Amino acid sequence: MALVKQTGPLPTDAVPLDKNEALRYQVDMLRHWPNQLEVWPLRSGIGILSITAAVAGIYVNAHYRRKMKLMKIGSAATYLPIIVLPGIAATLAHKLFVTRDILLERKKCLLCLETRAALLQFTVGFLYPMTLGPMGSVLLATRYATYRLPNITNDFWGLISVLRKFTRPINLQLSIIAIGQLFLGSCITRLEIKSYYNVKQQLLEAEKVYDNSPFV
């Protein structure tokens, strides 16, 4: 049975659901959909976004660690937050602020939803690693004296200048990562929307055939 958002009086045979019940119903329907290829964006899209954010974190962190000659010093301290947290953040943000709205049909402006998804993915898959990666490496390099850096309290802009120097060689790669995160967030969301409305259309057509059946 297709879930229909009703604003007027309910039909006599309708089953009213609150938002949480409606969301559980939709998720369960997708989980048991006969052709899983038709719903892969809604089932696997979030995982793709999560992995992409984590991979971006690995690349950024590895670059700044190499520049500051950290080798294996504090690997867990920098890699775990920059891999695990962006992945978790990408999953939660997309699930709560994008997929949920698709399944509950809470947004009439689908382009707005794509834009929101793109910005969320850009934030967790680019801005977050670009903040935490250099910061973690600077703290470790200062503590273990692996690279001589300007003091953050006495010469903040000198430190920023050094970080810019470290960043310059990978400006192109970072631009690709940034654009890629924006594109992927938007693309996955568009595929999720198409997948959801394709499933809904199939359900509505099946209900129409059933209602017109002479055996009902």
Protein backbone atom coordinates (compact mmCIF):
# COMPACT_ATOMS: atom_id res chain seq x y z
CA MET A 1 0.00 0.00 0.00
CA ALA A 2 1.33 3.42 -0.98
CA LEU A 3 1.76 6.03 1.72
CA VAL A 4 -0.22 9.15 0.85
CA LYS A 5 0.12 12.49 2.60
CA GLN A 6 -3.43 13.63 3.36
CA THR A 7 -4.36 17.23 4.14
CA GLY A 8 -8.15 16.96 4.03
CA PRO A 9 -10.61 14.45 5.54
CA LEU A 10 -9.34 10.87 5.65
CA PRO A 11 -10.96 8.23 3.42
CA THR A 12 -12.98 5.64 5.31
CA ASP A 13 -10.48 2.85 4.59
CA ALA A 14 -7.38 4.94 5.41
CA VAL A 15 -4.95 3.97 8.19
CA PRO A 16 -3.67 7.14 9.92
CA LEU A 17 0.02 7.16 10.92
CA ASP A 18 2.15 9.68 12.78
CA LYS A 19 5.50 10.77 11.33
CA ASN A 20 7.57 8.11 13.09
CA GLU A 21 5.17 5.32 12.14
CA ALA A 22 5.07 6.56 8.56
CA LEU A 23 8.88 6.63 8.40
CA ARG A 24 9.16 3.10 9.79
CA TYR A 25 6.58 1.92 7.27
CA GLN A 26 8.50 3.46 4.38
CA VAL A 27 11.86 2.07 5.50
CA ASP A 28 10.38 -1.41 5.99
CA MET A 29 8.75 -1.25 2.56
CA LEU A 30 12.08 -0.35 0.92
CA ARG A 31 13.87 -3.10 2.82
CA HIS A 32 11.47 -5.71 1.45
CA TRP A 33 11.00 -4.25 -2.02
CA PRO A 34 11.15 -7.13 -4.57
CA ASN A 35 13.59 -5.42 -6.94
CA GLN A 36 16.36 -3.98 -4.76
CA LEU A 37 18.06 -2.42 -7.80
CA GLU A 38 15.14 0.00 -8.02
CA VAL A 39 15.72 1.26 -4.48
CA TRP A 40 19.52 1.11 -4.22
CA PRO A 41 19.90 4.91 -3.86
CA LEU A 42 17.65 4.86 -0.80
CA ARG A 43 19.30 1.75 0.63
CA SER A 44 22.96 2.39 -0.23
CA GLY A 45 23.24 6.11 -1.05
CA ILE A 46 23.98 7.14 2.52
CA GLY A 47 26.76 4.55 2.73
CA ILE A 48 28.38 5.96 -0.41
CA LEU A 49 28.29 9.48 1.05
CA SER A 50 29.75 8.24 4.33
CA ILE A 51 32.64 6.41 2.65
CA THR A 52 33.39 9.40 0.41
CA ALA A 53 33.59 11.73 3.40
CA ALA A 54 35.89 9.31 5.23
CA VAL A 55 38.19 8.88 2.19
CA ALA A 56 38.50 12.66 1.85
CA GLY A 57 39.49 12.81 5.51
CA ILE A 58 42.16 10.15 5.00
CA TYR A 59 43.70 12.04 2.08
CA VAL A 60 43.76 15.42 3.84
CA ASN A 61 45.11 13.99 7.08
CA ALA A 62 47.83 12.00 5.33
CA HIS A 63 49.02 15.08 3.45
CA TYR A 64 49.46 17.29 6.51
CA ARG A 65 51.01 14.49 8.55
CA ARG A 66 53.56 13.95 5.78
CA LYS A 67 54.34 17.66 5.53
CA MET A 68 54.94 17.87 9.26
CA LYS A 69 57.03 14.69 9.30
CA LEU A 70 54.86 12.91 11.86
CA MET A 71 55.40 9.44 10.36
CA LYS A 72 53.57 7.10 12.77
CA ILE A 73 53.41 9.51 15.70
CA GLY A 74 49.86 9.89 16.98
CA SER A 75 48.31 8.08 14.03
CA ALA A 76 45.23 7.00 15.97
CA ALA A 77 44.80 10.47 17.47
CA THR A 78 44.45 12.09 14.05
CA TYR A 79 43.13 9.34 11.79
CA LEU A 80 40.26 8.10 13.98
CA PRO A 81 38.49 11.46 14.40
CA ILE A 82 39.02 12.47 10.79
CA ILE A 83 37.81 9.14 9.37
CA VAL A 84 35.12 8.02 11.81
CA LEU A 85 33.47 11.35 12.60
CA PRO A 86 32.96 12.58 9.01
CA GLY A 87 31.53 9.18 8.09
CA ILE A 88 29.12 9.22 11.02
CA ALA A 89 28.25 12.88 10.43
CA ALA A 90 27.54 12.27 6.73
CA THR A 91 25.25 9.35 7.61
CA LEU A 92 23.29 11.17 10.31
CA ALA A 93 23.03 14.49 8.48
CA HIS A 94 21.77 12.96 5.24
CA LYS A 95 19.41 10.57 7.00
CA LEU A 96 17.86 13.23 9.26
CA PHE A 97 17.75 16.22 6.93
CA VAL A 98 17.39 14.68 3.47
CA THR A 99 16.21 11.06 3.26
CA ARG A 100 13.66 11.55 6.02
CA ASP A 101 12.12 14.47 4.13
CA ILE A 102 12.00 12.44 0.91
CA LEU A 103 10.21 9.49 2.52
CA LEU A 104 7.75 11.72 4.36
CA GLU A 105 7.31 14.07 1.38
CA ARG A 106 7.93 17.08 3.58
CA LYS A 107 9.63 19.22 0.92
CA LYS A 108 7.80 20.52 -2.12
CA CYS A 109 10.96 22.13 -3.49
CA LEU A 110 13.06 19.14 -4.54
CA LEU A 111 15.83 21.39 -5.87
CA CYS A 112 16.07 22.92 -2.38
CA LEU A 113 16.47 19.43 -0.97
CA GLU A 114 19.28 18.64 -3.43
CA THR A 115 21.00 21.91 -2.52
CA ARG A 116 20.73 21.13 1.18
CA ALA A 117 22.20 17.65 0.64
CA ALA A 118 25.08 19.08 -1.40
CA LEU A 119 25.93 21.64 1.30
CA LEU A 120 25.72 19.05 4.08
CA GLN A 121 28.07 16.71 2.21
CA PHE A 122 30.44 19.58 1.43
CA THR A 123 30.54 20.47 5.12
CA VAL A 124 31.22 16.99 6.50
CA GLY A 125 33.30 15.75 3.55
CA PHE A 126 35.46 18.81 2.95
CA LEU A 127 35.25 21.62 5.50
CA TYR A 128 35.46 19.29 8.49
CA PRO A 129 38.58 17.39 7.28
CA MET A 130 40.19 20.67 6.17
CA THR A 131 39.73 22.01 9.69
CA LEU A 132 40.57 18.97 11.77
CA GLY A 133 43.40 17.62 9.58
CA PRO A 134 45.78 20.59 9.81
CA MET A 135 44.80 21.30 13.42
CA GLY A 136 45.58 17.78 14.64
CA SER A 137 48.88 17.67 12.77
CA VAL A 138 49.95 21.08 14.10
CA LEU A 139 49.28 20.02 17.68
CA LEU A 140 51.27 16.79 17.30
CA ALA A 141 54.13 18.46 15.40
CA THR A 142 54.41 21.07 18.15
CA ARG A 143 54.25 18.53 20.95
CA TYR A 144 56.81 16.11 19.48
CA ALA A 145 58.93 18.77 17.71
CA THR A 146 58.84 17.03 14.34
CA TYR A 147 58.56 20.31 12.45
CA ARG A 148 59.35 23.84 13.57
CA LEU A 149 56.12 25.82 13.44
CA PRO A 150 55.27 29.40 14.50
CA ASN A 151 53.62 29.57 17.91
CA ILE A 152 49.85 29.70 17.53
CA THR A 153 49.43 32.29 20.29
CA ASN A 154 52.38 34.54 19.43
CA ASP A 155 52.41 34.25 15.65
CA PHE A 156 49.01 33.03 14.48
CA TRP A 157 49.28 34.50 10.99
CA GLY A 158 52.74 33.03 10.61
CA LEU A 159 51.23 29.61 11.30
CA ILE A 160 48.46 30.27 8.78
CA SER A 161 51.14 31.19 6.21
CA VAL A 162 52.93 27.87 6.79
CA LEU A 163 49.67 25.94 6.41
CA ARG A 164 48.97 27.77 3.17
CA LYS A 165 52.39 26.75 1.92
CA PHE A 166 51.62 23.14 2.80
CA THR A 167 48.22 23.35 1.11
CA ARG A 168 49.33 24.98 -2.15
CA PRO A 169 50.67 21.77 -3.80
CA ILE A 170 47.29 20.04 -3.46
CA ASN A 171 45.02 22.96 -4.35
CA LEU A 172 43.82 21.15 -7.47
CA GLN A 173 43.12 17.92 -5.58
CA LEU A 174 41.26 19.82 -2.87
CA SER A 175 39.17 21.61 -5.48
CA ILE A 176 38.24 18.26 -7.00
CA ILE A 177 37.33 16.90 -3.55
CA ALA A 178 35.20 19.96 -2.76
CA ILE A 179 33.34 19.89 -6.08
CA GLY A 180 33.02 16.11 -5.87
CA GLN A 181 31.38 16.28 -2.45
CA LEU A 182 28.90 18.89 -3.67
CA PHE A 183 28.12 16.91 -6.82
CA LEU A 184 27.81 13.57 -5.03
CA GLY A 185 25.50 14.94 -2.33
CA SER A 186 23.22 16.42 -4.97
CA CYS A 187 23.41 13.42 -7.31
CA ILE A 188 22.63 10.82 -4.65
CA THR A 189 19.67 12.89 -3.47
CA ARG A 190 18.29 13.21 -7.00
CA LEU A 191 18.57 9.44 -7.44
CA GLU A 192 16.85 8.91 -4.07
CA ILE A 193 13.97 11.17 -5.12
CA LYS A 194 13.56 9.40 -8.48
CA SER A 195 13.73 6.00 -6.79
CA TYR A 196 11.13 6.93 -4.18
CA TYR A 197 8.61 8.31 -6.66
CA ASN A 198 9.15 5.36 -8.98
CA VAL A 199 8.28 2.98 -6.14
CA LYS A 200 5.29 5.08 -5.14
CA GLN A 201 4.00 5.15 -8.71
CA GLN A 202 4.24 1.37 -8.95
CA LEU A 203 2.31 0.98 -5.70
CA LEU A 204 -0.42 3.38 -6.81
CA GLU A 205 -0.79 1.56 -10.13
CA ALA A 206 -0.97 -1.81 -8.35
CA GLU A 207 -3.67 -0.43 -6.01
CA LYS A 208 -5.62 0.92 -8.99
CA VAL A 209 -5.54 -2.48 -10.69
CA TYR A 210 -6.63 -4.15 -7.45
CA ASP A 211 -9.51 -1.70 -6.90
CA ASN A 212 -10.76 -2.22 -10.46
CA SER A 213 -10.53 -5.98 -10.25
CA PRO A 214 -13.95 -7.71 -10.58
CA PHE A 215 -12.91 -10.17 -7.87
CA VAL A 216 -12.65 -7.47 -5.16
